[in-house]
Amino acid sequence: MKPVFTVTKGMLPVSTSYCPGCTHGVAHRIIMETLDEMGLLGKTLGVAPIGCSVVAHQFMNVDMCEAAHGRAPAVASGIRRVHPEKVVFTYQGDGDLASIGMGEIVHAAARGEKFSTFFINNGIYGMTGGQMAPTTLIGQRSTTCVDGRTREQAGMPLKICELLATLDGPIYIERVALNSPAHIRAAKKAVRKAFEYQLSGKGFTFVEMLSICPTNWGLTPAKAMDWLEENMMAYYPLGVYKDLGKEAE
């Protein structure tokens, strides 16, 4: 019989350590499956910093390098410049990329570094206990804003795609979501485009993935999916924010 499903060689055959319902596993899968389908597993280098992504090397079947908190873009910049023939990506959460690593990602994008960043936005610090992140929504509760984030105290949540799209260096920026089969299929297409543009040497590529954190949100996985749809997608609209790939051909 013809198989209806084949496990990608891009994922290692181990059990996950992520919380039940966490969509980090979905993000891992579509990135690694794409690399596998493109025949790039043997020439790819990934960089993961502190956060839930710190264990990505336990699941992704490519060479991985760990970076200090927020510093993955700097490490990836160095790797890609030393090894221009390699495919390089960073895998970062919102607490990491949009807070301590904001300067790193902005300047890497501004320079047009030729690597891809996959940004997991679940609106909260996951690994360290559910603190408010730069992307936590107004009214959303966390361990450091138990009554909900307010504009007066913390300002508005940062929209990273919109911010980076104002820079000259990025060639491709898109925001996707991981809360439904249709959105996951669209996310995988965005991942592939990011890698294709990198392979053609066109510049910095960035894919933001709206994700859920049921444990720190205090919701069941099913309710967390609904909460993402009703709240995160309203503030963080899905779509392409920059695509200069065809113009660069």
C-alpha atoms as a PDB file:
ATOM      1  CA  MET A   1       0.000   0.000   0.000  1.00  0.00           C
ATOM      2  CA  LYS A   2       1.124   3.550  -0.689  1.00  0.00           C
ATOM      3  CA  PRO A   3       1.971   5.291   2.591  1.00  0.00           C
ATOM      4  CA  VAL A   4      -0.258   8.230   3.473  1.00  0.00           C
ATOM      5  CA  PHE A   5       2.294   9.708   5.842  1.00  0.00           C
ATOM      6  CA  THR A   6       6.073   9.490   6.154  1.00  0.00           C
ATOM      7  CA  VAL A   7       7.930  10.943   9.116  1.00  0.00           C
ATOM      8  CA  THR A   8      10.424  13.575   8.011  1.00  0.00           C
ATOM      9  CA  LYS A   9      14.108  12.825   8.483  1.00  0.00           C
ATOM     10  CA  GLY A  10      14.419  16.380   9.749  1.00  0.00           C
ATOM     11  CA  MET A  11      13.021  15.459  13.158  1.00  0.00           C
ATOM     12  CA  LEU A  12      14.891  13.193  15.550  1.00  0.00           C
ATOM     13  CA  PRO A  13      12.949  10.127  16.798  1.00  0.00           C
ATOM     14  CA  VAL A  14      12.562  11.284  20.412  1.00  0.00           C
ATOM     15  CA  SER A  15       9.669  12.242  22.667  1.00  0.00           C
ATOM     16  CA  THR A  16       8.918  15.925  23.071  1.00  0.00           C
ATOM     17  CA  SER A  17       9.633  17.796  26.283  1.00  0.00           C
ATOM     18  CA  TYR A  18       7.248  20.637  25.461  1.00  0.00           C
ATOM     19  CA  CYS A  19       4.031  21.140  27.416  1.00  0.00           C
ATOM     20  CA  PRO A  20       0.858  19.485  26.080  1.00  0.00           C
ATOM     21  CA  GLY A  21      -0.617  21.556  23.271  1.00  0.00           C
ATOM     22  CA  CYS A  22       2.492  23.701  22.768  1.00  0.00           C
ATOM     23  CA  THR A  23       2.915  24.655  19.119  1.00  0.00           C
ATOM     24  CA  HIS A  24       6.709  24.747  19.240  1.00  0.00           C
ATOM     25  CA  GLY A  25       6.522  21.160  17.990  1.00  0.00           C
ATOM     26  CA  VAL A  26       4.426  22.240  15.009  1.00  0.00           C
ATOM     27  CA  ALA A  27       6.930  24.968  14.163  1.00  0.00           C
ATOM     28  CA  HIS A  28       9.826  22.514  14.454  1.00  0.00           C
ATOM     29  CA  ARG A  29       8.062  20.072  12.190  1.00  0.00           C
ATOM     30  CA  ILE A  30       7.261  22.430   9.323  1.00  0.00           C
ATOM     31  CA  ILE A  31      10.756  23.947   9.332  1.00  0.00           C
ATOM     32  CA  MET A  32      12.503  20.580   9.342  1.00  0.00           C
ATOM     33  CA  GLU A  33      10.066  19.007   6.901  1.00  0.00           C
ATOM     34  CA  THR A  34      10.693  21.877   4.484  1.00  0.00           C
ATOM     35  CA  LEU A  35      14.465  21.479   4.758  1.00  0.00           C
ATOM     36  CA  ASP A  36      14.072  17.735   4.193  1.00  0.00           C
ATOM     37  CA  GLU A  37      11.919  18.248   1.096  1.00  0.00           C
ATOM     38  CA  MET A  38      14.424  20.776  -0.259  1.00  0.00           C
ATOM     39  CA  GLY A  39      17.345  18.391   0.331  1.00  0.00           C
ATOM     40  CA  LEU A  40      19.034  20.860   2.681  1.00  0.00           C
ATOM     41  CA  LEU A  41      19.369  18.947   5.958  1.00  0.00           C
ATOM     42  CA  GLY A  42      23.057  18.259   5.384  1.00  0.00           C
ATOM     43  CA  LYS A  43      23.982  21.885   4.686  1.00  0.00           C
ATOM     44  CA  THR A  44      21.896  23.698   7.314  1.00  0.00           C
ATOM     45  CA  LEU A  45      23.024  25.319  10.570  1.00  0.00           C
ATOM     46  CA  GLY A  46      20.457  26.446  13.138  1.00  0.00           C
ATOM     47  CA  VAL A  47      20.941  28.831  16.049  1.00  0.00           C
ATOM     48  CA  ALA A  48      18.713  28.704  19.125  1.00  0.00           C
ATOM     49  CA  PRO A  49      19.072  31.017  22.145  1.00  0.00           C
ATOM     50  CA  ILE A  50      17.649  30.889  25.665  1.00  0.00           C
ATOM     51  CA  GLY A  51      13.932  30.211  26.113  1.00  0.00           C
ATOM     52  CA  CYS A  52      11.815  27.212  25.240  1.00  0.00           C
ATOM     53  CA  SER A  53      13.820  27.096  22.003  1.00  0.00           C
ATOM     54  CA  VAL A  54      16.961  26.207  23.952  1.00  0.00           C
ATOM     55  CA  VAL A  55      16.093  22.512  23.561  1.00  0.00           C
ATOM     56  CA  ALA A  56      15.469  22.713  19.799  1.00  0.00           C
ATOM     57  CA  HIS A  57      18.703  20.826  19.131  1.00  0.00           C
ATOM     58  CA  GLN A  58      17.163  17.783  20.813  1.00  0.00           C
ATOM     59  CA  PHE A  59      14.517  17.566  18.104  1.00  0.00           C
ATOM     60  CA  MET A  60      15.891  19.172  14.931  1.00  0.00           C
ATOM     61  CA  ASN A  61      18.076  16.853  12.873  1.00  0.00           C
ATOM     62  CA  VAL A  62      20.518  19.506  11.653  1.00  0.00           C
ATOM     63  CA  ASP A  63      23.684  21.001  13.105  1.00  0.00           C
ATOM     64  CA  MET A  64      22.646  23.406  15.871  1.00  0.00           C
ATOM     65  CA  CYS A  65      24.433  26.084  17.864  1.00  0.00           C
ATOM     66  CA  GLU A  66      23.167  27.623  21.093  1.00  0.00           C
ATOM     67  CA  ALA A  67      23.494  31.361  21.673  1.00  0.00           C
ATOM     68  CA  ALA A  68      23.275  33.615  24.711  1.00  0.00           C
ATOM     69  CA  HIS A  69      19.863  35.141  25.429  1.00  0.00           C
ATOM     70  CA  GLY A  70      18.857  37.327  22.477  1.00  0.00           C
ATOM     71  CA  ARG A  71      22.143  36.901  20.625  1.00  0.00           C
ATOM     72  CA  ALA A  72      21.137  34.363  17.999  1.00  0.00           C
ATOM     73  CA  PRO A  73      21.115  36.943  15.152  1.00  0.00           C
ATOM     74  CA  ALA A  74      24.703  37.957  15.941  1.00  0.00           C
ATOM     75  CA  VAL A  75      25.841  34.331  16.015  1.00  0.00           C
ATOM     76  CA  ALA A  76      23.943  33.542  12.801  1.00  0.00           C
ATOM     77  CA  SER A  77      25.481  36.592  11.107  1.00  0.00           C
ATOM     78  CA  GLY A  78      28.951  35.315  11.893  1.00  0.00           C
ATOM     79  CA  ILE A  79      28.199  31.756  10.800  1.00  0.00           C
ATOM     80  CA  ARG A  80      26.659  32.834   7.495  1.00  0.00           C
ATOM     81  CA  ARG A  81      29.552  35.170   6.666  1.00  0.00           C
ATOM     82  CA  VAL A  82      32.142  32.495   7.427  1.00  0.00           C
ATOM     83  CA  HIS A  83      30.123  29.779   5.659  1.00  0.00           C
ATOM     84  CA  PRO A  84      28.236  31.533   2.825  1.00  0.00           C
ATOM     85  CA  GLU A  85      27.488  28.170   1.224  1.00  0.00           C
ATOM     86  CA  LYS A  86      25.424  27.048   4.223  1.00  0.00           C
ATOM     87  CA  VAL A  87      21.743  27.574   4.979  1.00  0.00           C
ATOM     88  CA  VAL A  88      21.468  29.352   8.330  1.00  0.00           C
ATOM     89  CA  PHE A  89      18.437  30.111  10.485  1.00  0.00           C
ATOM     90  CA  THR A  90      17.616  31.368  13.965  1.00  0.00           C
ATOM     91  CA  TYR A  91      14.700  30.009  15.970  1.00  0.00           C
ATOM     92  CA  GLN A  92      13.621  32.530  18.618  1.00  0.00           C
ATOM     93  CA  GLY A  93      10.773  33.252  21.007  1.00  0.00           C
ATOM     94  CA  ASP A  94       9.180  36.627  21.659  1.00  0.00           C
ATOM     95  CA  GLY A  95      10.774  37.178  25.066  1.00  0.00           C
ATOM     96  CA  ASP A  96      14.162  36.510  23.535  1.00  0.00           C
ATOM     97  CA  LEU A  97      13.886  38.294  20.188  1.00  0.00           C
ATOM     98  CA  ALA A  98      11.647  41.247  21.100  1.00  0.00           C
ATOM     99  CA  SER A  99      13.205  42.064  24.468  1.00  0.00           C
ATOM    100  CA  ILE A 100      16.839  41.352  25.295  1.00  0.00           C
ATOM    101  CA  GLY A 101      17.555  40.554  21.636  1.00  0.00           C
ATOM    102  CA  MET A 102      15.744  43.491  20.037  1.00  0.00           C
ATOM    103  CA  GLY A 103      18.960  45.302  19.176  1.00  0.00           C
ATOM    104  CA  GLU A 104      20.417  42.139  17.631  1.00  0.00           C
ATOM    105  CA  ILE A 105      17.485  41.400  15.336  1.00  0.00           C
ATOM    106  CA  VAL A 106      17.028  45.029  14.265  1.00  0.00           C
ATOM    107  CA  HIS A 107      20.662  45.476  13.280  1.00  0.00           C
ATOM    108  CA  ALA A 108      20.921  42.063  11.579  1.00  0.00           C
ATOM    109  CA  ALA A 109      17.815  42.930   9.564  1.00  0.00           C
ATOM    110  CA  ALA A 110      19.112  46.424   8.803  1.00  0.00           C
ATOM    111  CA  ARG A 111      22.376  44.941   7.492  1.00  0.00           C
ATOM    112  CA  GLY A 112      20.443  42.510   5.318  1.00  0.00           C
ATOM    113  CA  GLU A 113      22.222  39.481   6.755  1.00  0.00           C
ATOM    114  CA  LYS A 114      21.553  36.486   4.528  1.00  0.00           C
ATOM    115  CA  PHE A 115      19.942  34.135   7.032  1.00  0.00           C
ATOM    116  CA  SER A 116      16.343  33.337   7.986  1.00  0.00           C
ATOM    117  CA  THR A 117      14.670  33.982  11.343  1.00  0.00           C
ATOM    118  CA  PHE A 118      11.660  32.051  12.599  1.00  0.00           C
ATOM    119  CA  PHE A 119      10.015  34.046  15.370  1.00  0.00           C
ATOM    120  CA  ILE A 120       7.677  32.175  17.729  1.00  0.00           C
ATOM    121  CA  ASN A 121       5.240  34.697  19.190  1.00  0.00           C
ATOM    122  CA  ASN A 122       3.091  33.280  21.993  1.00  0.00           C
ATOM    123  CA  GLY A 123       2.792  36.594  23.817  1.00  0.00           C
ATOM    124  CA  ILE A 124       4.551  35.506  26.992  1.00  0.00           C
ATOM    125  CA  TYR A 125       7.801  34.267  28.516  1.00  0.00           C
ATOM    126  CA  GLY A 126       7.308  30.504  28.429  1.00  0.00           C
ATOM    127  CA  MET A 127      10.356  28.817  29.924  1.00  0.00           C
ATOM    128  CA  THR A 128      10.953  31.181  32.835  1.00  0.00           C
ATOM    129  CA  GLY A 129       7.496  31.196  34.378  1.00  0.00           C
ATOM    130  CA  GLY A 130       4.946  33.136  32.344  1.00  0.00           C
ATOM    131  CA  GLN A 131       6.140  36.710  32.762  1.00  0.00           C
ATOM    132  CA  MET A 132       4.898  39.576  30.583  1.00  0.00           C
ATOM    133  CA  ALA A 133       6.728  39.785  27.255  1.00  0.00           C
ATOM    134  CA  PRO A 134       7.013  42.696  24.828  1.00  0.00           C
ATOM    135  CA  THR A 135       4.273  41.009  22.801  1.00  0.00           C
ATOM    136  CA  THR A 136       1.820  40.365  25.687  1.00  0.00           C
ATOM    137  CA  LEU A 137      -1.543  41.875  24.729  1.00  0.00           C
ATOM    138  CA  ILE A 138      -3.306  44.682  26.567  1.00  0.00           C
ATOM    139  CA  GLY A 139      -5.416  43.078  29.286  1.00  0.00           C
ATOM    140  CA  GLN A 140      -3.589  39.751  29.042  1.00  0.00           C
ATOM    141  CA  ARG A 141      -2.529  38.442  32.439  1.00  0.00           C
ATOM    142  CA  SER A 142       0.887  37.121  33.347  1.00  0.00           C
ATOM    143  CA  THR A 143       2.866  36.467  36.498  1.00  0.00           C
ATOM    144  CA  THR A 144       4.277  40.006  36.345  1.00  0.00           C
ATOM    145  CA  CYS A 145       0.986  41.730  35.467  1.00  0.00           C
ATOM    146  CA  VAL A 146      -1.589  39.720  37.372  1.00  0.00           C
ATOM    147  CA  ASP A 147      -4.392  42.170  36.579  1.00  0.00           C
ATOM    148  CA  GLY A 148      -3.481  42.346  32.900  1.00  0.00           C
ATOM    149  CA  ARG A 149      -1.082  44.449  30.864  1.00  0.00           C
ATOM    150  CA  THR A 150      -1.908  48.141  30.635  1.00  0.00           C
ATOM    151  CA  ARG A 151      -0.749  50.724  28.131  1.00  0.00           C
ATOM    152  CA  GLU A 152       0.050  53.176  30.896  1.00  0.00           C
ATOM    153  CA  GLN A 153       2.405  50.799  32.680  1.00  0.00           C
ATOM    154  CA  ALA A 154       4.040  48.856  29.838  1.00  0.00           C
ATOM    155  CA  GLY A 155       3.159  50.575  26.573  1.00  0.00           C
ATOM    156  CA  MET A 156       1.590  48.831  23.601  1.00  0.00           C
ATOM    157  CA  PRO A 157       2.702  45.330  22.512  1.00  0.00           C
ATOM    158  CA  LEU A 158       5.443  45.417  19.896  1.00  0.00           C
ATOM    159  CA  LYS A 159       4.574  44.478  16.309  1.00  0.00           C
ATOM    160  CA  ILE A 160       7.863  43.042  15.085  1.00  0.00           C
ATOM    161  CA  CYS A 161       6.911  42.373  11.444  1.00  0.00           C
ATOM    162  CA  GLU A 162       5.668  45.920  11.014  1.00  0.00           C
ATOM    163  CA  LEU A 163       8.781  47.310  12.707  1.00  0.00           C
ATOM    164  CA  LEU A 164      11.297  45.314  10.651  1.00  0.00           C
ATOM    165  CA  ALA A 165       9.426  46.011   7.418  1.00  0.00           C
ATOM    166  CA  THR A 166      10.435  49.669   7.693  1.00  0.00           C
ATOM    167  CA  LEU A 167      14.107  48.729   7.275  1.00  0.00           C
ATOM    168  CA  ASP A 168      15.892  48.459   3.931  1.00  0.00           C
ATOM    169  CA  GLY A 169      17.738  45.195   4.681  1.00  0.00           C
ATOM    170  CA  PRO A 170      14.930  42.595   4.877  1.00  0.00           C
ATOM    171  CA  ILE A 171      13.867  41.000   1.618  1.00  0.00           C
ATOM    172  CA  TYR A 172      10.905  39.008   2.934  1.00  0.00           C
ATOM    173  CA  ILE A 173       8.726  39.343   6.067  1.00  0.00           C
ATOM    174  CA  GLU A 174       5.520  37.441   6.751  1.00  0.00           C
ATOM    175  CA  ARG A 175       3.325  36.694   9.770  1.00  0.00           C
ATOM    176  CA  VAL A 176       1.587  33.320   9.942  1.00  0.00           C
ATOM    177  CA  ALA A 177      -0.254  31.305  12.605  1.00  0.00           C
ATOM    178  CA  LEU A 178      -0.112  27.732  13.873  1.00  0.00           C
ATOM    179  CA  ASN A 179      -3.659  27.275  15.159  1.00  0.00           C
ATOM    180  CA  SER A 180      -5.372  25.422  12.304  1.00  0.00           C
ATOM    181  CA  PRO A 181      -4.481  23.045   9.462  1.00  0.00           C
ATOM    182  CA  ALA A 182      -5.042  25.801   6.878  1.00  0.00           C
ATOM    183  CA  HIS A 183      -2.832  28.251   8.744  1.00  0.00           C
ATOM    184  CA  ILE A 184      -0.137  25.613   9.234  1.00  0.00           C
ATOM    185  CA  ARG A 185      -0.077  24.877   5.506  1.00  0.00           C
ATOM    186  CA  ALA A 186       0.316  28.598   4.821  1.00  0.00           C
ATOM    187  CA  ALA A 187       3.071  28.781   7.434  1.00  0.00           C
ATOM    188  CA  LYS A 188       4.985  26.010   5.708  1.00  0.00           C
ATOM    189  CA  LYS A 189       4.789  27.875   2.390  1.00  0.00           C
ATOM    190  CA  ALA A 190       6.239  30.940   4.126  1.00  0.00           C
ATOM    191  CA  VAL A 191       9.082  28.852   5.564  1.00  0.00           C
ATOM    192  CA  ARG A 192       9.907  27.510   2.126  1.00  0.00           C
ATOM    193  CA  LYS A 193       9.903  30.967   0.571  1.00  0.00           C
ATOM    194  CA  ALA A 194      12.241  32.229   3.314  1.00  0.00           C
ATOM    195  CA  PHE A 195      14.729  29.453   2.569  1.00  0.00           C
ATOM    196  CA  GLU A 196      14.392  29.843  -1.208  1.00  0.00           C
ATOM    197  CA  TYR A 197      15.197  33.545  -0.971  1.00  0.00           C
ATOM    198  CA  GLN A 198      18.151  32.785   1.295  1.00  0.00           C
ATOM    199  CA  LEU A 199      19.503  30.246  -1.174  1.00  0.00           C
ATOM    200  CA  SER A 200      19.383  32.822  -3.943  1.00  0.00           C
ATOM    201  CA  GLY A 201      21.382  35.232  -1.772  1.00  0.00           C
ATOM    202  CA  LYS A 202      18.704  37.916  -1.798  1.00  0.00           C
ATOM    203  CA  GLY A 203      18.883  39.009   1.837  1.00  0.00           C
ATOM    204  CA  PHE A 204      17.369  38.706   5.301  1.00  0.00           C
ATOM    205  CA  THR A 205      14.111  36.748   5.614  1.00  0.00           C
ATOM    206  CA  PHE A 206      11.757  36.672   8.598  1.00  0.00           C
ATOM    207  CA  VAL A 207       8.689  34.580   9.413  1.00  0.00           C
ATOM    208  CA  GLU A 208       6.683  35.301  12.562  1.00  0.00           C
ATOM    209  CA  MET A 209       4.531  32.422  13.809  1.00  0.00           C
ATOM    210  CA  LEU A 210       1.645  33.192  16.171  1.00  0.00           C
ATOM    211  CA  SER A 211       1.676  30.336  18.667  1.00  0.00           C
ATOM    212  CA  ILE A 212      -0.032  29.185  21.837  1.00  0.00           C
ATOM    213  CA  CYS A 213       1.261  28.587  25.367  1.00  0.00           C
ATOM    214  CA  PRO A 214      -1.606  26.755  27.135  1.00  0.00           C
ATOM    215  CA  THR A 215       0.356  26.259  30.367  1.00  0.00           C
ATOM    216  CA  ASN A 216       1.208  29.898  30.973  1.00  0.00           C
ATOM    217  CA  TRP A 217      -2.029  31.196  29.478  1.00  0.00           C
ATOM    218  CA  GLY A 218      -3.945  28.993  31.926  1.00  0.00           C
ATOM    219  CA  LEU A 219      -6.080  27.501  29.160  1.00  0.00           C
ATOM    220  CA  THR A 220      -6.659  24.096  27.637  1.00  0.00           C
ATOM    221  CA  PRO A 221      -4.965  23.612  24.265  1.00  0.00           C
ATOM    222  CA  ALA A 222      -8.314  23.808  22.454  1.00  0.00           C
ATOM    223  CA  LYS A 223      -9.330  27.039  24.214  1.00  0.00           C
ATOM    224  CA  ALA A 224      -5.853  28.466  23.634  1.00  0.00           C
ATOM    225  CA  MET A 225      -6.294  27.939  19.885  1.00  0.00           C
ATOM    226  CA  ASP A 226      -9.549  29.885  20.031  1.00  0.00           C
ATOM    227  CA  TRP A 227      -7.955  32.632  22.149  1.00  0.00           C
ATOM    228  CA  LEU A 228      -5.186  33.063  19.584  1.00  0.00           C
ATOM    229  CA  GLU A 229      -7.738  33.357  16.775  1.00  0.00           C
ATOM    230  CA  GLU A 230      -9.927  35.848  18.623  1.00  0.00           C
ATOM    231  CA  ASN A 231      -7.267  37.989  20.284  1.00  0.00           C
ATOM    232  CA  MET A 232      -3.756  37.648  18.883  1.00  0.00           C
ATOM    233  CA  MET A 233      -4.776  37.646  15.235  1.00  0.00           C
ATOM    234  CA  ALA A 234      -6.863  40.772  15.808  1.00  0.00           C
ATOM    235  CA  TYR A 235      -3.804  42.701  17.022  1.00  0.00           C
ATOM    236  CA  TYR A 236      -1.208  40.860  14.937  1.00  0.00           C
ATOM    237  CA  PRO A 237      -2.788  40.540  11.456  1.00  0.00           C
ATOM    238  CA  LEU A 238      -1.536  37.694   9.307  1.00  0.00           C
ATOM    239  CA  GLY A 239       0.003  38.454   5.947  1.00  0.00           C
ATOM    240  CA  VAL A 240       3.066  39.442   3.954  1.00  0.00           C
ATOM    241  CA  TYR A 241       4.654  42.654   5.195  1.00  0.00           C
ATOM    242  CA  LYS A 242       7.494  42.744   2.700  1.00  0.00           C
ATOM    243  CA  ASP A 243       8.389  40.671  -0.338  1.00  0.00           C
ATOM    244  CA  LEU A 244      11.149  42.034  -2.534  1.00  0.00           C
ATOM    245  CA  GLY A 245      12.329  38.638  -3.701  1.00  0.00           C
ATOM    246  CA  LYS A 246      11.026  38.902  -7.248  1.00  0.00           C
ATOM    247  CA  GLU A 247      12.280  42.466  -7.573  1.00  0.00           C
ATOM    248  CA  ALA A 248      15.770  41.258  -6.632  1.00  0.00           C
ATOM    249  CA  GLU A 249      15.868  38.674  -9.429  1.00  0.00           C
END
